[in-house]
Amino acid sequence: MSDQPAPVDTARQQLDPRTADAVRSHAARTRANADQYAAVLEDIATQGLPSEEDCTPWEELREAQLARLAAQRPAAA
């Protein structure tokens, strides 16, 4: 992927500046997440897998995430 902006194609519909900024922001977050994921994989390749005692069971992670999502959701009337 290049850091250079793509050439402007006049046949394309241009985005308004706020939408374009939102798309760039989403791309930056996606890139950062991919970099973090790649760093974890590189660490595993270098150091090996962590011991089972150092890991959190996926069920606990799932329940914690569901609780966070439920807390963000507005209460039903």
PDB file of N, CA and C in Angstrom:
ATOM      1  N   MET A   1       0.838  -1.170   0.000  1.00  0.00           N
ATOM      2  CA  MET A   1       0.000   0.000   0.000  1.00  0.00           C
ATOM      3  C   MET A   1       0.886   1.236   0.000  1.00  0.00           C
ATOM      4  N   SER A   2       0.492   2.217  -0.735  1.00  0.00           N
ATOM      5  CA  SER A   2       1.288   3.426  -0.858  1.00  0.00           C
ATOM      6  C   SER A   2       0.727   4.536   0.019  1.00  0.00           C
ATOM      7  N   ASP A   3       1.635   5.394   0.486  1.00  0.00           N
ATOM      8  CA  ASP A   3       1.187   6.564   1.258  1.00  0.00           C
ATOM      9  C   ASP A   3       0.754   7.694   0.333  1.00  0.00           C
ATOM     10  N   GLN A   4       0.959   7.496  -0.944  1.00  0.00           N
ATOM     11  CA  GLN A   4       0.572   8.513  -1.920  1.00  0.00           C
ATOM     12  C   GLN A   4      -0.931   8.423  -2.169  1.00  0.00           C
ATOM     13  N   PRO A   5      -1.600   9.581  -2.253  1.00  0.00           N
ATOM     14  CA  PRO A   5      -3.036   9.535  -2.549  1.00  0.00           C
ATOM     15  C   PRO A   5      -3.258   9.004  -3.962  1.00  0.00           C
ATOM     16  N   ALA A   6      -4.366   8.300  -4.121  1.00  0.00           N
ATOM     17  CA  ALA A   6      -4.702   7.767  -5.437  1.00  0.00           C
ATOM     18  C   ALA A   6      -5.014   8.926  -6.374  1.00  0.00           C
ATOM     19  N   PRO A   7      -4.705   8.769  -7.662  1.00  0.00           N
ATOM     20  CA  PRO A   7      -5.042   9.835  -8.612  1.00  0.00           C
ATOM     21  C   PRO A   7      -6.553  10.063  -8.623  1.00  0.00           C
ATOM     22  N   VAL A   8      -6.933  11.291  -8.816  1.00  0.00           N
ATOM     23  CA  VAL A   8      -8.352  11.648  -8.807  1.00  0.00           C
ATOM     24  C   VAL A   8      -8.986  11.160 -10.096  1.00  0.00           C
ATOM     25  N   ASP A   9     -10.029  10.366  -9.954  1.00  0.00           N
ATOM     26  CA  ASP A   9     -10.792   9.876 -11.092  1.00  0.00           C
ATOM     27  C   ASP A   9     -12.042  10.730 -11.166  1.00  0.00           C
ATOM     28  N   THR A  10     -12.187  11.485 -12.251  1.00  0.00           N
ATOM     29  CA  THR A  10     -13.312  12.419 -12.353  1.00  0.00           C
ATOM     30  C   THR A  10     -14.650  11.702 -12.451  1.00  0.00           C
ATOM     31  N   ALA A  11     -14.655  10.398 -12.747  1.00  0.00           N
ATOM     32  CA  ALA A  11     -15.909   9.660 -12.835  1.00  0.00           C
ATOM     33  C   ALA A  11     -16.410   9.250 -11.459  1.00  0.00           C
ATOM     34  N   ARG A  12     -15.589   9.392 -10.447  1.00  0.00           N
ATOM     35  CA  ARG A  12     -15.996   9.006  -9.092  1.00  0.00           C
ATOM     36  C   ARG A  12     -16.760  10.131  -8.415  1.00  0.00           C
ATOM     37  N   GLN A  13     -17.657   9.732  -7.530  1.00  0.00           N
ATOM     38  CA  GLN A  13     -18.394  10.716  -6.742  1.00  0.00           C
ATOM     39  C   GLN A  13     -17.522  11.116  -5.566  1.00  0.00           C
ATOM     40  N   GLN A  14     -17.266  12.384  -5.418  1.00  0.00           N
ATOM     41  CA  GLN A  14     -16.422  12.873  -4.337  1.00  0.00           C
ATOM     42  C   GLN A  14     -17.197  12.880  -3.023  1.00  0.00           C
ATOM     43  N   LEU A  15     -16.494  12.585  -1.942  1.00  0.00           N
ATOM     44  CA  LEU A  15     -17.098  12.612  -0.612  1.00  0.00           C
ATOM     45  C   LEU A  15     -17.005  14.022  -0.048  1.00  0.00           C
ATOM     46  N   ASP A  16     -17.957  14.339   0.803  1.00  0.00           N
ATOM     47  CA  ASP A  16     -17.842  15.628   1.481  1.00  0.00           C
ATOM     48  C   ASP A  16     -16.672  15.514   2.475  1.00  0.00           C
ATOM     49  N   PRO A  17     -16.060  16.632   2.850  1.00  0.00           N
ATOM     50  CA  PRO A  17     -14.859  16.589   3.689  1.00  0.00           C
ATOM     51  C   PRO A  17     -15.037  15.836   5.012  1.00  0.00           C
ATOM     52  N   ARG A  18     -16.182  15.969   5.670  1.00  0.00           N
ATOM     53  CA  ARG A  18     -16.382  15.258   6.941  1.00  0.00           C
ATOM     54  C   ARG A  18     -16.438  13.758   6.726  1.00  0.00           C
ATOM     55  N   THR A  19     -17.089  13.318   5.668  1.00  0.00           N
ATOM     56  CA  THR A  19     -17.154  11.887   5.366  1.00  0.00           C
ATOM     57  C   THR A  19     -15.775  11.359   5.006  1.00  0.00           C
ATOM     58  N   ALA A  20     -15.037  12.111   4.213  1.00  0.00           N
ATOM     59  CA  ALA A  20     -13.679  11.698   3.847  1.00  0.00           C
ATOM     60  C   ALA A  20     -12.802  11.589   5.089  1.00  0.00           C
ATOM     61  N   ASP A  21     -12.937  12.528   6.018  1.00  0.00           N
ATOM     62  CA  ASP A  21     -12.166  12.457   7.265  1.00  0.00           C
ATOM     63  C   ASP A  21     -12.554  11.225   8.082  1.00  0.00           C
ATOM     64  N   ALA A  22     -13.838  10.898   8.101  1.00  0.00           N
ATOM     65  CA  ALA A  22     -14.298   9.718   8.835  1.00  0.00           C
ATOM     66  C   ALA A  22     -13.736   8.441   8.212  1.00  0.00           C
ATOM     67  N   VAL A  23     -13.693   8.387   6.893  1.00  0.00           N
ATOM     68  CA  VAL A  23     -13.136   7.219   6.204  1.00  0.00           C
ATOM     69  C   VAL A  23     -11.644   7.102   6.498  1.00  0.00           C
ATOM     70  N   ARG A  24     -10.923   8.228   6.474  1.00  0.00           N
ATOM     71  CA  ARG A  24      -9.493   8.203   6.807  1.00  0.00           C
ATOM     72  C   ARG A  24      -9.271   7.759   8.252  1.00  0.00           C
ATOM     73  N   SER A  25     -10.120   8.214   9.152  1.00  0.00           N
ATOM     74  CA  SER A  25     -10.015   7.829  10.552  1.00  0.00           C
ATOM     75  C   SER A  25     -10.242   6.328  10.712  1.00  0.00           C
ATOM     76  N   HIS A  26     -11.233   5.793  10.023  1.00  0.00           N
ATOM     77  CA  HIS A  26     -11.501   4.358  10.073  1.00  0.00           C
ATOM     78  C   HIS A  26     -10.305   3.579   9.511  1.00  0.00           C
ATOM     79  N   ALA A  27      -9.737   4.059   8.420  1.00  0.00           N
ATOM     80  CA  ALA A  27      -8.564   3.403   7.836  1.00  0.00           C
ATOM     81  C   ALA A  27      -7.399   3.406   8.817  1.00  0.00           C
ATOM     82  N   ALA A  28      -7.194   4.506   9.517  1.00  0.00           N
ATOM     83  CA  ALA A  28      -6.099   4.592  10.490  1.00  0.00           C
ATOM     84  C   ALA A  28      -6.312   3.621  11.642  1.00  0.00           C
ATOM     85  N   ARG A  29      -7.563   3.530  12.146  1.00  0.00           N
ATOM     86  CA  ARG A  29      -7.854   2.580  13.225  1.00  0.00           C
ATOM     87  C   ARG A  29      -7.647   1.144  12.756  1.00  0.00           C
ATOM     88  N   THR A  30      -8.098   0.845  11.537  1.00  0.00           N
ATOM     89  CA  THR A  30      -7.935  -0.497  10.982  1.00  0.00           C
ATOM     90  C   THR A  30      -6.457  -0.832  10.835  1.00  0.00           C
ATOM     91  N   ARG A  31      -5.677   0.123  10.352  1.00  0.00           N
ATOM     92  CA  ARG A  31      -4.234  -0.074  10.194  1.00  0.00           C
ATOM     93  C   ARG A  31      -3.571  -0.310  11.551  1.00  0.00           C
ATOM     94  N   ALA A  32      -3.957   0.466  12.552  1.00  0.00           N
ATOM     95  CA  ALA A  32      -3.387   0.309  13.891  1.00  0.00           C
ATOM     96  C   ALA A  32      -3.737  -1.061  14.470  1.00  0.00           C
ATOM     97  N   ASN A  33      -4.984  -1.500  14.274  1.00  0.00           N
ATOM     98  CA  ASN A  33      -5.391  -2.825  14.760  1.00  0.00           C
ATOM     99  C   ASN A  33      -4.603  -3.924  14.061  1.00  0.00           C
ATOM    100  N   ALA A  34      -4.397  -3.781  12.757  1.00  0.00           N
ATOM    101  CA  ALA A  34      -3.630  -4.780  12.009  1.00  0.00           C
ATOM    102  C   ALA A  34      -2.187  -4.808  12.491  1.00  0.00           C
ATOM    103  N   ASP A  35      -1.610  -3.636  12.764  1.00  0.00           N
ATOM    104  CA  ASP A  35      -0.239  -3.577  13.274  1.00  0.00           C
ATOM    105  C   ASP A  35      -0.130  -4.252  14.636  1.00  0.00           C
ATOM    106  N   GLN A  36      -1.117  -4.037  15.494  1.00  0.00           N
ATOM    107  CA  GLN A  36      -1.115  -4.660  16.818  1.00  0.00           C
ATOM    108  C   GLN A  36      -1.238  -6.178  16.690  1.00  0.00           C
ATOM    109  N   TYR A  37      -2.110  -6.635  15.824  1.00  0.00           N
ATOM    110  CA  TYR A  37      -2.289  -8.064  15.595  1.00  0.00           C
ATOM    111  C   TYR A  37      -0.991  -8.677  15.058  1.00  0.00           C
ATOM    112  N   ALA A  38      -0.358  -7.998  14.105  1.00  0.00           N
ATOM    113  CA  ALA A  38       0.903  -8.490  13.546  1.00  0.00           C
ATOM    114  C   ALA A  38       1.983  -8.565  14.623  1.00  0.00           C
ATOM    115  N   ALA A  39       2.015  -7.593  15.520  1.00  0.00           N
ATOM    116  CA  ALA A  39       3.013  -7.602  16.598  1.00  0.00           C
ATOM    117  C   ALA A  39       2.802  -8.801  17.528  1.00  0.00           C
ATOM    118  N   VAL A  40       1.553  -9.128  17.813  1.00  0.00           N
ATOM    119  CA  VAL A  40       1.262 -10.290  18.655  1.00  0.00           C
ATOM    120  C   VAL A  40       1.724 -11.569  17.961  1.00  0.00           C
ATOM    121  N   LEU A  41       1.425 -11.684  16.679  1.00  0.00           N
ATOM    122  CA  LEU A  41       1.847 -12.879  15.944  1.00  0.00           C
ATOM    123  C   LEU A  41       3.368 -12.989  15.882  1.00  0.00           C
ATOM    124  N   GLU A  42       4.056 -11.858  15.687  1.00  0.00           N
ATOM    125  CA  GLU A  42       5.518 -11.867  15.669  1.00  0.00           C
ATOM    126  C   GLU A  42       6.075 -12.285  17.026  1.00  0.00           C
ATOM    127  N   ASP A  43       5.452 -11.822  18.109  1.00  0.00           N
ATOM    128  CA  ASP A  43       5.882 -12.209  19.446  1.00  0.00           C
ATOM    129  C   ASP A  43       5.697 -13.709  19.662  1.00  0.00           C
ATOM    130  N   ILE A  44       4.569 -14.240  19.218  1.00  0.00           N
ATOM    131  CA  ILE A  44       4.333 -15.681  19.342  1.00  0.00           C
ATOM    132  C   ILE A  44       5.363 -16.456  18.531  1.00  0.00           C
ATOM    133  N   ALA A  45       5.671 -15.977  17.327  1.00  0.00           N
ATOM    134  CA  ALA A  45       6.663 -16.657  16.493  1.00  0.00           C
ATOM    135  C   ALA A  45       8.033 -16.639  17.156  1.00  0.00           C
ATOM    136  N   THR A  46       8.370 -15.545  17.835  1.00  0.00           N
ATOM    137  CA  THR A  46       9.683 -15.404  18.469  1.00  0.00           C
ATOM    138  C   THR A  46       9.749 -16.118  19.811  1.00  0.00           C
ATOM    139  N   GLN A  47       8.749 -15.904  20.655  1.00  0.00           N
ATOM    140  CA  GLN A  47       8.776 -16.391  22.034  1.00  0.00           C
ATOM    141  C   GLN A  47       8.029 -17.708  22.238  1.00  0.00           C
ATOM    142  N   GLY A  48       7.183 -18.065  21.301  1.00  0.00           N
ATOM    143  CA  GLY A  48       6.337 -19.241  21.469  1.00  0.00           C
ATOM    144  C   GLY A  48       5.021 -18.855  22.132  1.00  0.00           C
ATOM    145  N   LEU A  49       4.159 -19.839  22.282  1.00  0.00           N
ATOM    146  CA  LEU A  49       2.859 -19.587  22.899  1.00  0.00           C
ATOM    147  C   LEU A  49       3.015 -19.386  24.405  1.00  0.00           C
ATOM    148  N   PRO A  50       2.181 -18.523  25.001  1.00  0.00           N
ATOM    149  CA  PRO A  50       2.237 -18.354  26.456  1.00  0.00           C
ATOM    150  C   PRO A  50       1.719 -19.618  27.145  1.00  0.00           C
ATOM    151  N   SER A  51       2.081 -19.769  28.397  1.00  0.00           N
ATOM    152  CA  SER A  51       1.597 -20.929  29.140  1.00  0.00           C
ATOM    153  C   SER A  51       0.100 -20.779  29.385  1.00  0.00           C
ATOM    154  N   GLU A  52      -0.545 -21.893  29.578  1.00  0.00           N
ATOM    155  CA  GLU A  52      -1.988 -21.887  29.793  1.00  0.00           C
ATOM    156  C   GLU A  52      -2.369 -21.085  31.037  1.00  0.00           C
ATOM    157  N   GLU A  53      -1.505 -21.107  32.064  1.00  0.00           N
ATOM    158  CA  GLU A  53      -1.782 -20.376  33.303  1.00  0.00           C
ATOM    159  C   GLU A  53      -1.764 -18.858  33.091  1.00  0.00           C
ATOM    160  N   ASP A  54      -1.046 -18.398  32.068  1.00  0.00           N
ATOM    161  CA  ASP A  54      -0.950 -16.961  31.785  1.00  0.00           C
ATOM    162  C   ASP A  54      -2.068 -16.463  30.876  1.00  0.00           C
ATOM    163  N   CYS A  55      -2.936 -17.354  30.448  1.00  0.00           N
ATOM    164  CA  CYS A  55      -3.985 -16.987  29.496  1.00  0.00           C
ATOM    165  C   CYS A  55      -5.335 -16.868  30.193  1.00  0.00           C
ATOM    166  N   THR A  56      -6.207 -16.070  29.595  1.00  0.00           N
ATOM    167  CA  THR A  56      -7.581 -15.934  30.077  1.00  0.00           C
ATOM    168  C   THR A  56      -8.467 -16.801  29.193  1.00  0.00           C
ATOM    169  N   PRO A  57      -9.293 -17.663  29.773  1.00  0.00           N
ATOM    170  CA  PRO A  57     -10.186 -18.490  28.957  1.00  0.00           C
ATOM    171  C   PRO A  57     -11.102 -17.617  28.093  1.00  0.00           C
ATOM    172  N   TRP A  58     -11.360 -18.074  26.875  1.00  0.00           N
ATOM    173  CA  TRP A  58     -12.158 -17.273  25.954  1.00  0.00           C
ATOM    174  C   TRP A  58     -13.560 -17.033  26.500  1.00  0.00           C
ATOM    175  N   GLU A  59     -14.083 -17.952  27.306  1.00  0.00           N
ATOM    176  CA  GLU A  59     -15.424 -17.759  27.870  1.00  0.00           C
ATOM    177  C   GLU A  59     -15.457 -16.522  28.778  1.00  0.00           C
ATOM    178  N   GLU A  60     -14.398 -16.323  29.557  1.00  0.00           N
ATOM    179  CA  GLU A  60     -14.332 -15.140  30.422  1.00  0.00           C
ATOM    180  C   GLU A  60     -14.228 -13.866  29.586  1.00  0.00           C
ATOM    181  N   LEU A  61     -13.433 -13.919  28.534  1.00  0.00           N
ATOM    182  CA  LEU A  61     -13.305 -12.756  27.648  1.00  0.00           C
ATOM    183  C   LEU A  61     -14.643 -12.430  26.994  1.00  0.00           C
ATOM    184  N   ARG A  62     -15.346 -13.485  26.539  1.00  0.00           N
ATOM    185  CA  ARG A  62     -16.655 -13.282  25.903  1.00  0.00           C
ATOM    186  C   ARG A  62     -17.631 -12.642  26.869  1.00  0.00           C
ATOM    187  N   GLU A  63     -17.713 -13.173  28.085  1.00  0.00           N
ATOM    188  CA  GLU A  63     -18.653 -12.643  29.070  1.00  0.00           C
ATOM    189  C   GLU A  63     -18.331 -11.203  29.441  1.00  0.00           C
ATOM    190  N   ALA A  64     -17.048 -10.880  29.550  1.00  0.00           N
ATOM    191  CA  ALA A  64     -16.650  -9.504  29.857  1.00  0.00           C
ATOM    192  C   ALA A  64     -17.045  -8.557  28.723  1.00  0.00           C
ATOM    193  N   GLN A  65     -16.854  -9.004  27.485  1.00  0.00           N
ATOM    194  CA  GLN A  65     -17.229  -8.166  26.340  1.00  0.00           C
ATOM    195  C   GLN A  65     -18.741  -7.995  26.270  1.00  0.00           C
ATOM    196  N   LEU A  66     -19.483  -9.062  26.507  1.00  0.00           N
ATOM    197  CA  LEU A  66     -20.944  -8.951  26.503  1.00  0.00           C
ATOM    198  C   LEU A  66     -21.430  -8.013  27.597  1.00  0.00           C
ATOM    199  N   ALA A  67     -20.798  -8.050  28.747  1.00  0.00           N
ATOM    200  CA  ALA A  67     -21.167  -7.137  29.834  1.00  0.00           C
ATOM    201  C   ALA A  67     -20.872  -5.688  29.440  1.00  0.00           C
ATOM    202  N   ARG A  68     -19.735  -5.451  28.782  1.00  0.00           N
ATOM    203  CA  ARG A  68     -19.410  -4.090  28.329  1.00  0.00           C
ATOM    204  C   ARG A  68     -20.443  -3.602  27.311  1.00  0.00           C
ATOM    205  N   LEU A  69     -20.804  -4.466  26.380  1.00  0.00           N
ATOM    206  CA  LEU A  69     -21.796  -4.088  25.367  1.00  0.00           C
ATOM    207  C   LEU A  69     -23.158  -3.826  26.005  1.00  0.00           C
ATOM    208  N   ALA A  70     -23.551  -4.650  26.966  1.00  0.00           N
ATOM    209  CA  ALA A  70     -24.839  -4.457  27.649  1.00  0.00           C
ATOM    210  C   ALA A  70     -24.851  -3.142  28.419  1.00  0.00           C
ATOM    211  N   ALA A  71     -23.728  -2.773  28.995  1.00  0.00           N
ATOM    212  CA  ALA A  71     -23.655  -1.520  29.753  1.00  0.00           C
ATOM    213  C   ALA A  71     -23.766  -0.307  28.827  1.00  0.00           C
ATOM    214  N   GLN A  72     -23.346  -0.446  27.592  1.00  0.00           N
ATOM    215  CA  GLN A  72     -23.415   0.655  26.626  1.00  0.00           C
ATOM    216  C   GLN A  72     -24.820   0.809  26.033  1.00  0.00           C
ATOM    217  N   ARG A  73     -25.584  -0.256  26.077  1.00  0.00           N
ATOM    218  CA  ARG A  73     -26.910  -0.252  25.454  1.00  0.00           C
ATOM    219  C   ARG A  73     -27.896   0.452  26.368  1.00  0.00           C
ATOM    220  N   PRO A  74     -28.733   1.331  25.813  1.00  0.00           N
ATOM    221  CA  PRO A  74     -29.722   1.994  26.662  1.00  0.00           C
ATOM    222  C   PRO A  74     -30.743   0.986  27.209  1.00  0.00           C
ATOM    223  N   ALA A  75     -31.188   1.220  28.410  1.00  0.00           N
ATOM    224  CA  ALA A  75     -32.144   0.310  29.064  1.00  0.00           C
ATOM    225  C   ALA A  75     -33.496   0.383  28.358  1.00  0.00           C
ATOM    226  N   ALA A  76     -34.158  -0.737  28.282  1.00  0.00           N
ATOM    227  CA  ALA A  76     -35.495  -0.782  27.684  1.00  0.00           C
ATOM    228  C   ALA A  76     -36.495  -0.171  28.660  1.00  0.00           C
ATOM    229  N   ALA A  77     -37.476   0.500  28.098  1.00  0.00           N
ATOM    230  CA  ALA A  77     -38.485   1.156  28.951  1.00  0.00           C
ATOM    231  C   ALA A  77     -39.459   0.170  29.501  1.00  0.00           C
TER     232      ALA A  77
END
